[in-house]
N, C-alpha and C. Protein backbone atom coordinates (compact mmCIF):
# COMPACT_ATOMS: atom_id res chain seq x y z
N MET A 1 -40.06 23.48 -12.29
CA MET A 1 -38.89 22.98 -13.17
C MET A 1 -38.55 21.45 -12.64
N ASP A 2 -38.67 20.52 -13.34
CA ASP A 2 -38.49 19.28 -13.16
C ASP A 2 -36.87 19.05 -13.31
N VAL A 3 -36.23 18.70 -12.29
CA VAL A 3 -34.59 18.42 -12.42
C VAL A 3 -34.70 16.96 -11.93
N THR A 4 -33.94 16.36 -13.22
CA THR A 4 -33.96 14.98 -12.90
C THR A 4 -32.15 14.64 -13.16
N PRO A 5 -31.84 13.68 -12.37
CA PRO A 5 -30.47 13.38 -12.44
C PRO A 5 -30.14 12.52 -13.46
N VAL A 6 -28.83 12.84 -14.22
CA VAL A 6 -28.53 12.18 -15.45
C VAL A 6 -27.26 11.70 -15.08
N ASP A 7 -27.24 10.33 -15.45
CA ASP A 7 -25.68 9.73 -15.62
C ASP A 7 -24.79 9.79 -16.51
N LEU A 8 -23.99 10.39 -16.39
CA LEU A 8 -22.77 11.22 -17.06
C LEU A 8 -21.98 9.61 -17.55
N PRO A 9 -21.58 9.77 -18.97
CA PRO A 9 -20.75 8.80 -19.58
C PRO A 9 -18.95 8.96 -18.49
N GLU A 10 -18.14 7.94 -18.55
CA GLU A 10 -16.92 7.66 -18.20
C GLU A 10 -16.29 8.94 -18.69
N PRO A 11 -15.22 9.65 -17.95
CA PRO A 11 -14.56 10.77 -18.40
C PRO A 11 -13.58 10.56 -19.36
N ARG A 12 -13.41 11.15 -20.50
CA ARG A 12 -12.41 10.82 -21.05
C ARG A 12 -10.95 12.11 -20.73
N ARG A 13 -9.84 11.14 -20.32
CA ARG A 13 -8.92 12.39 -20.06
C ARG A 13 -8.30 13.14 -21.50
N LEU A 14 -8.41 12.56 -22.45
CA LEU A 14 -7.41 12.97 -23.65
C LEU A 14 -8.65 12.92 -24.77
N GLY A 15 -8.33 13.74 -25.62
CA GLY A 15 -9.41 13.03 -27.08
C GLY A 15 -8.75 12.38 -28.12
N ALA A 16 -9.32 12.19 -29.10
CA ALA A 16 -9.09 10.85 -29.82
C ALA A 16 -7.51 11.51 -30.48
N LEU A 17 -7.62 12.49 -31.14
CA LEU A 17 -6.56 13.08 -31.93
C LEU A 17 -5.20 13.06 -30.97
N SER A 18 -5.34 13.59 -29.62
CA SER A 18 -4.06 13.52 -29.05
C SER A 18 -3.58 12.15 -28.90
N ARG A 19 -4.25 11.08 -29.19
CA ARG A 19 -3.64 9.88 -29.00
C ARG A 19 -2.80 9.15 -30.41
N LEU A 20 -3.21 10.31 -31.17
CA LEU A 20 -2.91 9.80 -32.63
C LEU A 20 -1.73 10.70 -32.95
N ALA A 21 -1.03 11.55 -31.97
CA ALA A 21 -0.01 12.75 -32.33
C ALA A 21 1.11 11.80 -32.80
N PRO A 22 1.79 12.43 -33.69
CA PRO A 22 2.90 11.80 -34.34
C PRO A 22 4.29 11.61 -33.40
N GLU A 23 4.85 10.91 -33.54
CA GLU A 23 6.06 10.44 -32.50
C GLU A 23 7.10 11.56 -31.86
N PRO A 24 7.53 12.33 -32.94
CA PRO A 24 8.14 13.47 -32.47
C PRO A 24 7.18 14.61 -31.55
N MET A 25 6.25 14.69 -31.93
CA MET A 25 5.00 15.32 -30.77
C MET A 25 5.14 14.92 -29.50
N LYS A 26 5.04 13.28 -29.22
CA LYS A 26 5.04 13.11 -28.19
C LYS A 26 6.23 13.15 -27.22
N VAL A 27 7.21 13.18 -28.24
CA VAL A 27 8.88 13.40 -27.55
C VAL A 27 8.63 14.51 -26.98
N VAL A 28 8.14 15.76 -27.88
CA VAL A 28 7.98 17.08 -27.32
C VAL A 28 7.52 17.19 -25.79
N LEU A 29 6.06 16.38 -25.92
CA LEU A 29 5.24 16.70 -24.84
C LEU A 29 5.77 16.06 -23.64
N ASN A 30 6.60 14.64 -23.71
CA ASN A 30 7.23 14.14 -22.48
C ASN A 30 8.22 15.06 -22.13
N TRP A 31 9.04 15.70 -23.07
CA TRP A 31 9.96 16.49 -22.48
C TRP A 31 9.83 17.58 -21.69
N GLY A 32 8.34 18.31 -22.21
CA GLY A 32 7.75 19.48 -21.25
C GLY A 32 7.35 18.58 -20.08
N ARG A 33 6.96 17.82 -19.97
CA ARG A 33 6.48 17.24 -18.77
C ARG A 33 7.49 16.92 -17.60
N ARG A 34 8.57 16.32 -18.55
CA ARG A 34 9.63 15.72 -17.68
C ARG A 34 10.51 16.85 -17.05
N TYR A 35 10.54 18.07 -17.73
CA TYR A 35 11.12 19.20 -17.15
C TYR A 35 10.46 20.37 -16.42
N SER A 36 9.22 20.16 -16.31
CA SER A 36 8.18 21.11 -15.69
C SER A 36 7.60 20.78 -14.38
N LEU A 37 8.26 19.93 -13.23
CA LEU A 37 7.40 19.45 -12.32
C LEU A 37 7.14 20.12 -11.33
N TRP A 38 5.83 20.55 -11.24
CA TRP A 38 5.21 21.32 -9.99
C TRP A 38 5.10 20.29 -8.79
N VAL A 39 5.83 20.59 -7.65
CA VAL A 39 5.53 19.72 -6.68
C VAL A 39 4.74 20.16 -5.65
N PHE A 40 3.75 19.19 -5.18
CA PHE A 40 3.00 19.40 -4.10
C PHE A 40 3.46 18.52 -3.16
N ASN A 41 4.13 19.02 -1.76
CA ASN A 41 4.80 18.21 -0.71
C ASN A 41 3.71 17.80 0.29
N PHE A 42 3.38 16.73 0.30
CA PHE A 42 2.82 16.47 1.56
C PHE A 42 3.59 15.92 2.83
N GLY A 43 3.93 16.64 3.47
CA GLY A 43 4.84 16.48 4.55
C GLY A 43 4.48 16.11 5.80
N LEU A 44 4.52 14.68 6.59
CA LEU A 44 3.85 14.61 7.46
C LEU A 44 4.80 14.28 8.86
N ALA A 45 6.10 14.09 8.44
CA ALA A 45 7.12 14.04 9.82
C ALA A 45 8.53 14.29 9.30
N CYS A 46 9.44 14.11 9.66
CA CYS A 46 10.83 14.15 9.59
C CYS A 46 11.56 14.15 8.54
N CYS A 47 10.50 13.21 7.69
CA CYS A 47 11.43 13.45 5.95
C CYS A 47 10.92 14.65 5.29
N ALA A 48 10.02 15.25 5.68
CA ALA A 48 9.59 16.47 5.22
C ALA A 48 10.86 17.28 5.22
N ILE A 49 11.70 17.42 6.24
CA ILE A 49 12.69 18.45 6.56
C ILE A 49 14.03 17.99 5.40
N GLU A 50 14.15 16.67 5.09
CA GLU A 50 14.82 16.32 4.05
C GLU A 50 14.26 16.92 2.96
N PHE A 51 13.04 16.49 2.46
CA PHE A 51 12.74 17.67 0.93
C PHE A 51 12.98 19.08 0.87
N ILE A 52 12.80 19.62 2.36
CA ILE A 52 13.46 20.97 2.26
C ILE A 52 14.71 21.38 2.05
N ALA A 53 15.34 20.48 2.67
CA ALA A 53 17.01 20.71 2.30
C ALA A 53 17.23 20.25 0.68
N ALA A 54 16.12 19.36 0.31
CA ALA A 54 16.82 18.92 -1.02
C ALA A 54 16.70 20.44 -2.32
N SER A 55 15.48 21.22 -1.63
CA SER A 55 15.00 22.20 -2.46
C SER A 55 15.84 23.79 -2.41
N MET A 56 16.96 23.53 -1.07
CA MET A 56 17.49 24.74 -1.09
C MET A 56 18.83 24.76 -1.82
N ALA A 57 19.38 25.71 -1.40
CA ALA A 57 20.63 26.25 -2.58
C ALA A 57 21.90 25.20 -2.39
N ARG A 58 22.03 24.34 -1.75
CA ARG A 58 23.37 23.44 -1.79
C ARG A 58 22.72 22.37 -2.79
N HIS A 59 21.51 21.63 -2.81
CA HIS A 59 21.27 20.74 -3.60
C HIS A 59 20.23 20.86 -4.76
N ASP A 60 19.59 22.05 -4.34
CA ASP A 60 18.77 22.75 -5.56
C ASP A 60 18.14 22.18 -6.89
N PHE A 61 16.78 21.12 -6.57
CA PHE A 61 16.54 20.55 -7.51
C PHE A 61 15.70 21.46 -8.52
N ILE A 62 15.61 22.81 -8.49
CA ILE A 62 15.10 23.46 -9.59
C ILE A 62 16.04 23.42 -10.63
N ARG A 63 17.43 22.96 -10.70
CA ARG A 63 18.00 22.65 -11.59
C ARG A 63 18.02 21.54 -12.52
N LEU A 64 17.16 20.72 -11.80
CA LEU A 64 16.38 19.31 -13.00
C LEU A 64 15.18 19.67 -13.05
N GLY A 65 14.69 20.96 -13.16
CA GLY A 65 13.41 21.34 -13.72
C GLY A 65 12.23 20.87 -12.75
N VAL A 66 12.47 20.76 -11.50
CA VAL A 66 11.22 20.77 -10.26
C VAL A 66 11.19 21.95 -9.64
N ILE A 67 9.87 22.42 -9.74
CA ILE A 67 9.41 23.62 -8.92
C ILE A 67 8.97 23.33 -7.56
N PRO A 68 9.67 23.77 -6.72
CA PRO A 68 8.78 23.19 -5.36
C PRO A 68 7.84 24.08 -4.84
N PHE A 69 6.96 23.54 -3.97
CA PHE A 69 5.96 24.52 -3.57
C PHE A 69 4.93 24.90 -4.61
N ALA A 70 4.25 23.99 -5.09
CA ALA A 70 2.89 24.62 -5.73
C ALA A 70 1.98 25.12 -5.02
N PRO A 71 1.51 26.03 -5.70
CA PRO A 71 0.17 26.71 -4.93
C PRO A 71 -0.49 26.00 -4.07
N GLY A 72 -0.92 24.87 -4.66
CA GLY A 72 -2.08 23.90 -4.15
C GLY A 72 -2.16 22.53 -4.97
N PRO A 73 -2.87 22.02 -4.72
CA PRO A 73 -2.73 20.47 -5.85
C PRO A 73 -3.55 20.55 -6.95
N ARG A 74 -4.15 21.62 -7.30
CA ARG A 74 -4.93 21.61 -8.63
C ARG A 74 -3.86 22.39 -9.41
N GLN A 75 -2.65 22.80 -9.03
CA GLN A 75 -1.54 23.14 -10.01
C GLN A 75 -0.29 22.51 -10.33
N ALA A 76 -0.57 21.07 -9.46
CA ALA A 76 0.48 20.14 -9.06
C ALA A 76 0.52 19.05 -10.20
N ASP A 77 1.85 18.90 -10.48
CA ASP A 77 2.06 17.52 -11.42
C ASP A 77 2.45 16.45 -10.56
N LEU A 78 3.33 16.59 -9.47
CA LEU A 78 4.09 15.52 -8.62
C LEU A 78 3.73 16.00 -7.07
N MET A 79 3.24 14.68 -6.40
CA MET A 79 3.28 14.64 -4.86
C MET A 79 4.12 13.87 -4.39
N ILE A 80 4.64 14.63 -3.41
CA ILE A 80 6.00 13.63 -2.83
C ILE A 80 5.56 13.45 -1.43
N VAL A 81 5.18 12.35 -0.83
CA VAL A 81 4.64 11.96 0.21
C VAL A 81 5.65 11.50 1.40
N SER A 82 6.12 12.24 2.33
CA SER A 82 7.07 12.27 3.35
C SER A 82 6.43 12.24 4.60
N GLY A 83 6.78 10.70 5.07
CA GLY A 83 6.61 10.62 6.55
C GLY A 83 5.55 9.64 6.88
N THR A 84 4.82 9.66 8.13
CA THR A 84 4.34 8.54 8.51
C THR A 84 2.87 8.96 8.10
N VAL A 85 2.41 8.28 7.26
CA VAL A 85 0.70 8.16 6.52
C VAL A 85 -0.05 7.42 7.77
N THR A 86 -0.98 8.05 8.92
CA THR A 86 -1.81 7.57 9.44
C THR A 86 -3.08 7.35 8.99
N ASP A 87 -3.85 6.36 9.66
CA ASP A 87 -5.52 5.99 9.05
C ASP A 87 -6.19 7.52 9.01
N LYS A 88 -6.00 8.15 9.98
CA LYS A 88 -6.53 9.30 9.75
C LYS A 88 -6.14 10.31 8.97
N MET A 89 -4.91 10.65 8.70
CA MET A 89 -4.51 11.35 7.50
C MET A 89 -4.73 10.93 6.12
N ALA A 90 -4.96 9.34 5.68
CA ALA A 90 -5.34 8.79 4.64
C ALA A 90 -6.26 9.38 3.94
N PRO A 91 -7.49 9.56 4.29
CA PRO A 91 -8.59 10.38 3.29
C PRO A 91 -7.86 11.58 2.93
N ALA A 92 -7.16 12.30 3.70
CA ALA A 92 -6.59 13.79 2.98
C ALA A 92 -5.76 13.25 2.07
N VAL A 93 -5.16 12.69 2.14
CA VAL A 93 -4.07 12.46 0.96
C VAL A 93 -4.84 11.96 -0.29
N LYS A 94 -5.76 10.82 -0.22
CA LYS A 94 -6.24 10.45 -1.38
C LYS A 94 -7.15 11.39 -1.78
N ARG A 95 -7.67 12.62 -1.39
CA ARG A 95 -8.31 13.56 -1.59
C ARG A 95 -7.93 14.62 -2.27
N LEU A 96 -6.58 15.04 -1.80
CA LEU A 96 -5.57 15.91 -2.67
C LEU A 96 -5.00 15.39 -3.78
N TYR A 97 -4.79 13.96 -3.75
CA TYR A 97 -4.22 13.23 -4.99
C TYR A 97 -5.53 13.34 -6.04
N GLU A 98 -6.89 13.25 -5.71
CA GLU A 98 -7.57 13.44 -6.58
C GLU A 98 -8.09 14.56 -7.08
N GLN A 99 -7.71 15.58 -6.57
CA GLN A 99 -7.32 16.96 -7.01
C GLN A 99 -6.70 17.39 -8.07
N MET A 100 -5.54 16.58 -8.13
CA MET A 100 -4.36 17.03 -8.95
C MET A 100 -4.95 16.57 -10.45
N PRO A 101 -4.42 17.55 -11.40
CA PRO A 101 -4.84 17.04 -12.95
C PRO A 101 -3.62 16.11 -13.20
N GLU A 102 -4.26 15.70 -14.41
CA GLU A 102 -3.98 14.46 -15.10
C GLU A 102 -2.61 15.32 -16.11
N PRO A 103 -1.49 14.55 -16.45
CA PRO A 103 -0.90 13.56 -15.93
C PRO A 103 -0.31 13.73 -14.53
N LYS A 104 -0.81 13.30 -13.81
CA LYS A 104 0.11 13.23 -12.12
C LYS A 104 0.79 11.97 -11.62
N TYR A 105 1.86 12.29 -10.78
CA TYR A 105 2.87 11.49 -10.37
C TYR A 105 2.69 11.44 -8.84
N VAL A 106 3.35 10.75 -8.19
CA VAL A 106 3.68 10.17 -6.80
C VAL A 106 4.89 9.56 -6.48
N ILE A 107 5.70 10.30 -5.78
CA ILE A 107 6.84 9.77 -5.27
C ILE A 107 6.79 9.62 -3.45
N SER A 108 6.77 8.10 -3.30
CA SER A 108 6.87 7.89 -1.71
C SER A 108 8.42 7.91 -1.08
N PHE A 109 8.56 9.23 -0.29
CA PHE A 109 9.84 9.50 0.28
C PHE A 109 9.85 8.89 1.54
N GLY A 110 10.52 7.91 1.92
CA GLY A 110 11.00 7.61 2.99
C GLY A 110 10.17 6.28 3.53
N ALA A 111 11.05 5.64 4.44
CA ALA A 111 10.70 4.12 5.00
C ALA A 111 9.14 4.31 5.59
N CYS A 112 8.44 5.60 6.43
CA CYS A 112 7.63 5.47 6.59
C CYS A 112 6.51 5.66 5.75
N SER A 113 6.78 6.55 4.63
CA SER A 113 5.70 6.74 3.26
C SER A 113 5.81 5.26 2.70
N ASN A 114 6.86 4.53 2.63
CA ASN A 114 6.77 3.27 1.76
C ASN A 114 6.15 2.27 2.35
N CYS A 115 6.37 1.80 3.48
CA CYS A 115 5.67 0.81 4.38
C CYS A 115 5.34 0.68 5.73
N GLY A 116 5.51 2.23 6.64
CA GLY A 116 5.12 2.43 7.73
C GLY A 116 6.20 2.43 8.34
N GLY A 117 7.52 2.37 8.05
CA GLY A 117 8.99 2.20 9.08
C GLY A 117 8.72 1.68 10.10
N PRO A 118 9.77 2.47 10.96
CA PRO A 118 9.61 2.06 12.34
C PRO A 118 8.21 1.78 13.14
N TYR A 119 7.18 2.42 12.53
CA TYR A 119 5.87 2.38 12.92
C TYR A 119 4.91 1.48 12.61
N TRP A 120 5.34 0.40 11.55
CA TRP A 120 4.53 -0.37 10.78
C TRP A 120 3.71 -1.43 11.43
N ASP A 121 3.71 -1.58 12.79
CA ASP A 121 3.04 -2.53 13.81
C ASP A 121 2.05 -1.65 14.47
N SER A 122 1.97 -0.45 14.23
CA SER A 122 1.12 0.48 15.07
C SER A 122 -0.31 0.30 14.24
N TYR A 123 -1.37 -0.03 15.02
CA TYR A 123 -2.71 -0.02 14.68
C TYR A 123 -3.30 1.15 14.03
N ALA A 124 -2.43 2.52 14.05
CA ALA A 124 -3.06 3.67 13.65
C ALA A 124 -2.43 4.16 12.16
N VAL A 125 -1.26 3.47 11.76
CA VAL A 125 -0.59 3.88 10.60
C VAL A 125 -0.96 2.80 9.45
N THR A 126 -0.87 3.50 8.39
CA THR A 126 -1.26 2.69 7.12
C THR A 126 0.12 2.38 6.78
N LYS A 127 -0.19 1.26 6.30
CA LYS A 127 1.17 0.42 5.78
C LYS A 127 1.91 0.74 4.39
N GLY A 128 1.93 2.25 4.23
CA GLY A 128 2.55 2.19 2.91
C GLY A 128 1.45 3.31 2.05
N VAL A 129 1.95 4.37 1.56
CA VAL A 129 1.02 5.40 0.89
C VAL A 129 0.50 4.50 -0.27
N ASP A 130 0.98 3.29 -0.69
CA ASP A 130 0.55 2.86 -2.05
C ASP A 130 -0.90 2.07 -1.63
N GLN A 131 -1.24 1.83 -0.45
CA GLN A 131 -2.30 1.35 0.04
C GLN A 131 -3.64 2.38 -0.42
N ILE A 132 -3.08 3.52 -0.64
CA ILE A 132 -4.42 4.59 -0.87
C ILE A 132 -4.18 5.41 -2.36
N ILE A 133 -3.08 5.40 -2.83
CA ILE A 133 -3.07 6.04 -4.41
C ILE A 133 -1.65 5.41 -4.82
N PRO A 134 -1.83 5.31 -6.00
CA PRO A 134 -0.76 4.70 -7.19
C PRO A 134 0.64 5.47 -6.82
N VAL A 135 1.70 4.81 -6.48
CA VAL A 135 2.92 5.55 -6.35
C VAL A 135 4.01 5.21 -7.48
N ASP A 136 4.78 6.14 -7.98
CA ASP A 136 5.62 5.87 -9.23
C ASP A 136 6.95 5.47 -8.98
N VAL A 137 7.56 6.01 -7.88
CA VAL A 137 9.05 6.24 -7.36
C VAL A 137 8.87 5.91 -5.91
N TYR A 138 9.69 4.93 -5.24
CA TYR A 138 9.85 4.78 -4.28
C TYR A 138 11.27 5.27 -3.59
N VAL A 139 11.49 6.02 -2.52
CA VAL A 139 12.93 6.50 -2.09
C VAL A 139 12.97 5.94 -0.82
N PRO A 140 13.58 4.92 -0.61
CA PRO A 140 14.23 4.42 0.85
C PRO A 140 14.92 5.33 1.53
N GLY A 141 14.70 4.90 2.90
CA GLY A 141 15.66 5.68 4.02
C GLY A 141 14.67 6.12 5.33
N CYS A 142 15.56 6.41 5.94
CA CYS A 142 14.99 6.78 7.43
C CYS A 142 15.81 7.75 8.35
N PRO A 143 15.86 8.94 7.91
CA PRO A 143 15.14 9.81 6.71
C PRO A 143 16.03 9.62 5.65
N PRO A 144 15.46 9.55 4.34
CA PRO A 144 16.69 9.81 3.29
C PRO A 144 17.33 10.85 3.08
N ARG A 145 18.58 10.75 2.60
CA ARG A 145 19.28 12.04 2.06
C ARG A 145 18.53 12.78 1.17
N PRO A 146 18.81 14.36 1.08
CA PRO A 146 18.41 14.66 0.04
C PRO A 146 19.01 14.28 -1.40
N GLU A 147 20.19 13.67 -1.52
CA GLU A 147 20.60 12.97 -2.64
C GLU A 147 19.85 12.06 -3.37
N ALA A 148 19.12 10.81 -2.35
CA ALA A 148 18.19 10.32 -2.56
C ALA A 148 17.00 10.71 -3.27
N LEU A 149 16.60 11.75 -2.85
CA LEU A 149 15.57 12.52 -3.45
C LEU A 149 15.85 13.00 -4.74
N LEU A 150 16.87 13.59 -4.77
CA LEU A 150 17.45 13.75 -6.43
C LEU A 150 17.37 12.53 -7.26
N GLN A 151 18.02 11.57 -6.70
CA GLN A 151 17.97 10.41 -7.49
C GLN A 151 16.47 9.94 -7.80
N GLY A 152 15.88 10.07 -7.08
CA GLY A 152 14.25 9.79 -7.07
C GLY A 152 13.70 10.55 -8.19
N ILE A 153 14.00 11.76 -8.19
CA ILE A 153 13.10 12.72 -9.28
C ILE A 153 13.79 12.23 -10.63
N LEU A 154 15.28 12.00 -10.94
CA LEU A 154 15.45 11.67 -11.92
C LEU A 154 15.05 10.08 -12.73
N LYS A 155 14.87 9.37 -11.49
CA LYS A 155 14.14 7.96 -12.02
C LYS A 155 12.79 8.57 -12.56
N LEU A 156 12.26 9.42 -11.79
CA LEU A 156 10.88 9.67 -12.29
C LEU A 156 10.83 10.54 -13.86
N GLN A 157 11.98 11.22 -13.84
CA GLN A 157 11.93 11.89 -15.22
C GLN A 157 12.18 10.80 -16.54
N GLU A 158 12.97 9.95 -15.99
CA GLU A 158 13.24 8.60 -17.09
C GLU A 158 12.29 8.18 -17.41
N LYS A 159 11.34 8.00 -16.54
CA LYS A 159 10.05 7.36 -16.54
C LYS A 159 8.89 7.90 -17.65
N ILE A 160 9.20 9.36 -17.05
CA ILE A 160 7.82 10.13 -18.05
C ILE A 160 8.56 10.41 -19.21
N ALA A 161 10.06 10.35 -19.39
CA ALA A 161 10.37 10.82 -20.97
C ALA A 161 10.21 9.26 -21.75
N GLN A 162 9.98 8.10 -21.35
CA GLN A 162 9.33 6.95 -22.03
C GLN A 162 8.10 6.61 -21.98
N GLU A 163 7.12 7.49 -21.35
CA GLU A 163 6.04 7.58 -21.17
C GLU A 163 5.13 7.32 -22.56
N SER A 164 4.12 6.34 -22.98
CA SER A 164 3.49 6.09 -23.90
C SER A 164 2.14 7.35 -23.51
N LEU A 165 1.82 8.01 -24.44
CA LEU A 165 0.13 8.52 -23.94
C LEU A 165 -1.04 7.28 -24.26
N ARG A 166 -0.86 6.76 -25.35
CA ARG A 166 -1.63 5.49 -25.83
C ARG A 166 -1.79 4.51 -24.40
N ASP A 167 -0.61 4.49 -24.06
CA ASP A 167 -0.63 3.26 -22.71
C ASP A 167 -1.30 4.00 -21.67
N ARG A 168 -0.81 4.86 -21.38
CA ARG A 168 -1.68 5.87 -19.90
C ARG A 168 -2.98 5.83 -20.11
N TYR A 169 -3.48 6.52 -21.10
CA TYR A 169 -4.71 6.70 -21.29
C TYR A 169 -5.38 5.77 -22.08
N ALA A 170 -5.26 4.44 -22.16
CA ALA A 170 -6.16 3.38 -22.96
C ALA A 170 -7.39 3.24 -21.84
N PRO A 171 -8.14 2.97 -22.89
CA PRO A 171 -9.77 2.55 -21.81
C PRO A 171 -9.19 1.45 -21.08
N GLY A 172 -9.59 1.64 -19.64
CA GLY A 172 -9.35 0.66 -18.51
C GLY A 172 -7.89 0.78 -17.98
N ALA A 173 -7.24 1.31 -18.55
CA ALA A 173 -5.72 1.56 -17.82
C ALA A 173 -6.04 2.56 -16.02
N GLY A 174 -6.41 3.30 -16.22
CA GLY A 174 -6.60 4.00 -14.99
C GLY A 174 -7.78 3.65 -14.16
N PRO A 175 -7.63 3.88 -13.04
CA PRO A 175 -8.89 3.58 -12.34
C PRO A 175 -10.27 4.33 -12.91
N SER A 176 -11.15 3.48 -12.67
CA SER A 176 -12.50 3.91 -13.03
C SER A 176 -13.08 5.15 -12.06
N ALA A 177 -14.43 5.83 -12.69
CA ALA A 177 -14.92 6.81 -11.98
C ALA A 177 -15.54 6.32 -10.89
N ALA A 178 -15.92 5.33 -10.88
CA ALA A 178 -16.54 4.60 -9.25
C ALA A 178 -15.68 4.61 -8.55
N ALA A 179 -14.41 4.08 -8.79
CA ALA A 179 -13.40 3.68 -7.95
C ALA A 179 -12.66 5.07 -7.31
N LEU A 180 -12.84 5.93 -7.97
CA LEU A 180 -12.39 7.32 -7.65
C LEU A 180 -13.32 7.83 -6.49
N LYS A 181 -14.32 7.67 -6.68
CA LYS A 181 -15.65 8.36 -6.01
C LYS A 181 -15.88 7.30 -4.66
N SER A 182 -15.26 6.35 -4.70
CA SER A 182 -15.41 5.49 -3.34
C SER A 182 -14.30 5.91 -2.16
N GLY A 183 -15.36 5.78 -1.05
CA GLY A 183 -14.48 5.90 0.11
C GLY A 183 -13.21 5.38 0.75
N LEU A 184 -12.28 5.52 1.48
CA LEU A 184 -11.61 4.49 2.22
C LEU A 184 -12.17 3.63 2.98
N VAL A 185 -12.83 4.04 3.99
CA VAL A 185 -13.60 3.27 4.78
C VAL A 185 -15.23 3.14 4.35
N PRO A 186 -15.92 2.18 4.49
CA PRO A 186 -17.46 1.84 4.23
C PRO A 186 -17.70 2.68 5.17
N GLN A 187 -18.93 3.33 4.85
CA GLN A 187 -19.99 4.08 5.92
C GLN A 187 -20.61 3.03 7.12
N PRO A 188 -21.07 3.32 8.06
CA PRO A 188 -21.55 2.47 8.91
C PRO A 188 -23.11 2.69 8.77
N GLN A 189 -23.35 1.13 8.63
CA GLN A 189 -25.01 1.14 8.49
C GLN A 189 -25.80 1.37 9.61
N PRO A 190 -27.02 1.72 9.39
CA PRO A 190 -27.85 2.18 10.50
C PRO A 190 -28.27 0.79 11.01
N ALA A 191 -28.37 0.87 12.30
CA ALA A 191 -28.89 -0.19 12.98
C ALA A 191 -30.28 -0.90 12.54
N GLU A 192 -30.38 -2.00 12.74
CA GLU A 192 -31.84 -2.57 12.27
C GLU A 192 -32.86 -2.62 13.26
N ALA A 193 -34.28 -2.12 12.86
CA ALA A 193 -35.09 -1.98 13.77
C ALA A 193 -35.34 -3.54 14.16
N GLY A 194 -36.31 -3.74 15.11
CA GLY A 194 -36.58 -4.70 15.93
C GLY A 194 -35.35 -5.09 16.70
N GLY A 195 -34.97 -4.35 17.39
CA GLY A 195 -33.91 -5.18 18.35
C GLY A 195 -34.37 -5.16 19.67
N THR A 196 -33.85 -5.76 20.66
CA THR A 196 -34.33 -6.06 21.91
C THR A 196 -34.54 -4.80 22.85
N GLU A 197 -35.75 -4.80 23.50
CA GLU A 197 -36.17 -3.78 24.23
C GLU A 197 -36.03 -4.28 25.92
N ARG A 198 -35.60 -3.23 26.48
CA ARG A 198 -35.72 -3.29 28.02
C ARG A 198 -36.63 -3.05 28.77
């Protein structure tokens, strides 16, 4: 049996009919996305404790329609990256983001996640999670208070409510399939033959 590889076309995220949905239907779809955000928490340092505080009874972001602790990235709509993203952890962040279904959103929570924070000059720290994945909302602070995360979630919900499916899924709007398959660091090239002998 002869098996030959086949180049598949660029994946289409939504069908043609969903782009032509009437305006009231778009409002309903955005309303549903806005108030049913399943969160995948990617906690890397102390800001993750503030995320946990925001999900507890005192602040209770479930009342905003945010469900904390999705079983995994494949069931999540929102990734909250909190803490210092190191260069060694960056491929894992990117891989988990790619596993999330569309539409997907990212909140960068805390100074370390936003720009490296107090560790910005370290050789091992990524200078912000937006160097790896697209970020929708930045929450500043070191560490930010739980109220700041609630404000960030409200800002994201406002953004989702005004979202246009036509703009979000227009051809060329998102990254190409080749860009999603590309690695963060180029693979090392093998040494060329014909080197010096001892």
